[in-house]
Amino acid sequence: MNPLPRDKEPALETGGVYWLGPEAGVPFNFRSWYIRVVSCSTAGSTPEGMIWIEGYELTDRGDAVDRREVLAILNGVRRVDEVEVFPATAHWGRQLVRLVG
């Protein structure tokens, strides 16, 4: 893991939409989702390489479902334009997601 220097603010854009999948941490292994960022921080006692993200959980159609604050592995957070999302399949009803590029 390539940790983010403590004196540098994270590169997540306020208002940007990101996908939190398995690479973003254990909580996202079984349920990945999209988040529209309101704010983010690595300040305080945040572990190196991790980031606090505050924002709105989004549906696949982009509708806000709930406001959330989550701790995620920064290198596992992906901009929506960096992932290709396939519709839910009959296999557990989960979406298939593949990184683009």
Protein backbone atom coordinates (compact mmCIF):
# COMPACT_ATOMS: atom_id res chain seq x y z
CA MET A 1 0.00 0.00 0.00
CA ASN A 2 1.26 3.45 -0.88
CA PRO A 3 0.34 5.64 2.12
CA LEU A 4 -0.82 9.22 1.67
CA PRO A 5 1.54 11.73 3.32
CA ARG A 6 -0.02 13.28 6.43
CA ASP A 7 0.62 16.84 5.22
CA LYS A 8 -1.17 16.30 1.89
CA GLU A 9 -4.95 16.41 1.57
CA PRO A 10 -6.60 13.58 -0.36
CA ALA A 11 -7.21 13.85 -4.09
CA LEU A 12 -10.93 13.00 -3.96
CA GLU A 13 -13.03 15.74 -5.53
CA THR A 14 -15.93 17.21 -3.58
CA GLY A 15 -19.04 16.40 -5.60
CA GLY A 16 -17.27 13.56 -7.41
CA VAL A 17 -18.78 10.08 -7.58
CA TYR A 18 -16.64 7.14 -6.47
CA TRP A 19 -17.07 3.37 -6.27
CA LEU A 20 -16.20 1.60 -3.03
CA GLY A 21 -15.48 -2.06 -3.71
CA PRO A 22 -13.47 -4.86 -2.07
CA GLU A 23 -10.16 -3.01 -2.52
CA ALA A 24 -11.53 -0.15 -0.37
CA GLY A 25 -11.80 -2.37 2.70
CA VAL A 26 -13.43 -5.38 4.31
CA PRO A 27 -16.88 -3.75 4.76
CA PHE A 28 -17.15 -3.44 0.96
CA ASN A 29 -16.33 -7.11 0.19
CA PHE A 30 -19.97 -8.15 0.30
CA ARG A 31 -21.70 -4.90 -0.58
CA SER A 32 -19.96 -2.38 -2.81
CA TRP A 33 -21.59 0.95 -3.56
CA TYR A 34 -21.25 4.41 -5.04
CA ILE A 35 -20.73 7.57 -3.00
CA ARG A 36 -20.98 11.25 -3.95
CA VAL A 37 -18.30 12.98 -1.87
CA VAL A 38 -19.27 15.87 0.40
CA SER A 39 -15.93 15.97 2.23
CA CYS A 40 -12.92 13.79 2.96
CA SER A 41 -10.02 13.86 5.37
CA THR A 42 -6.90 12.06 6.51
CA ALA A 43 -6.46 14.32 9.55
CA GLY A 44 -6.26 13.28 13.17
CA SER A 45 -5.83 9.65 14.09
CA THR A 46 -6.70 8.28 10.64
CA PRO A 47 -4.41 5.29 9.87
CA GLU A 48 -1.91 5.84 7.06
CA GLY A 49 -3.26 4.93 3.63
CA MET A 50 -6.84 5.33 4.87
CA ILE A 51 -9.33 8.14 4.30
CA TRP A 52 -12.55 9.30 5.95
CA ILE A 53 -15.18 9.97 3.30
CA GLU A 54 -18.43 11.75 4.04
CA GLY A 55 -21.06 11.72 1.34
CA TYR A 56 -24.25 10.28 -0.06
CA GLU A 57 -24.64 6.60 -0.94
CA LEU A 58 -26.04 6.38 -4.46
CA THR A 59 -28.11 3.80 -6.29
CA ASP A 60 -26.95 2.47 -9.67
CA ARG A 61 -29.10 5.21 -11.24
CA GLY A 62 -27.42 7.95 -9.20
CA ASP A 63 -30.21 8.60 -6.69
CA ALA A 64 -29.09 9.47 -3.15
CA VAL A 65 -30.16 6.84 -0.62
CA ASP A 66 -28.46 7.81 2.64
CA ARG A 67 -25.77 10.10 4.00
CA ARG A 68 -22.77 8.14 5.24
CA GLU A 69 -19.33 8.57 6.76
CA VAL A 70 -16.94 5.73 6.01
CA LEU A 71 -13.30 4.84 6.54
CA ALA A 72 -11.79 3.39 3.37
CA ILE A 73 -8.41 2.39 1.94
CA LEU A 74 -7.53 5.30 -0.34
CA ASN A 75 -5.93 3.14 -3.05
CA GLY A 76 -9.17 1.13 -3.29
CA VAL A 77 -11.45 4.11 -3.94
CA ARG A 78 -12.19 4.43 -7.68
CA ARG A 79 -13.71 7.28 -9.66
CA VAL A 80 -16.84 6.16 -11.48
CA ASP A 81 -15.21 6.89 -14.84
CA GLU A 82 -12.48 4.36 -13.90
CA VAL A 83 -14.85 1.41 -13.54
CA GLU A 84 -17.14 -0.42 -15.91
CA VAL A 85 -20.31 -1.66 -14.24
CA PHE A 86 -22.32 -4.59 -15.56
CA PRO A 87 -25.96 -5.22 -14.55
CA ALA A 88 -26.72 -7.54 -11.64
CA THR A 89 -26.52 -11.17 -12.65
CA ALA A 90 -28.44 -14.22 -11.52
CA HIS A 91 -25.30 -15.20 -9.58
CA TRP A 92 -26.23 -13.88 -6.11
CA GLY A 93 -27.84 -10.85 -7.75
CA ARG A 94 -24.56 -8.92 -7.49
CA GLN A 95 -23.11 -6.50 -10.01
CA LEU A 96 -19.89 -7.33 -11.78
CA VAL A 97 -17.37 -4.49 -11.83
CA ARG A 98 -14.14 -4.32 -13.81
CA LEU A 99 -11.51 -1.59 -13.63
CA VAL A 100 -10.99 0.24 -16.90
CA GLY A 101 -7.51 1.16 -18.04
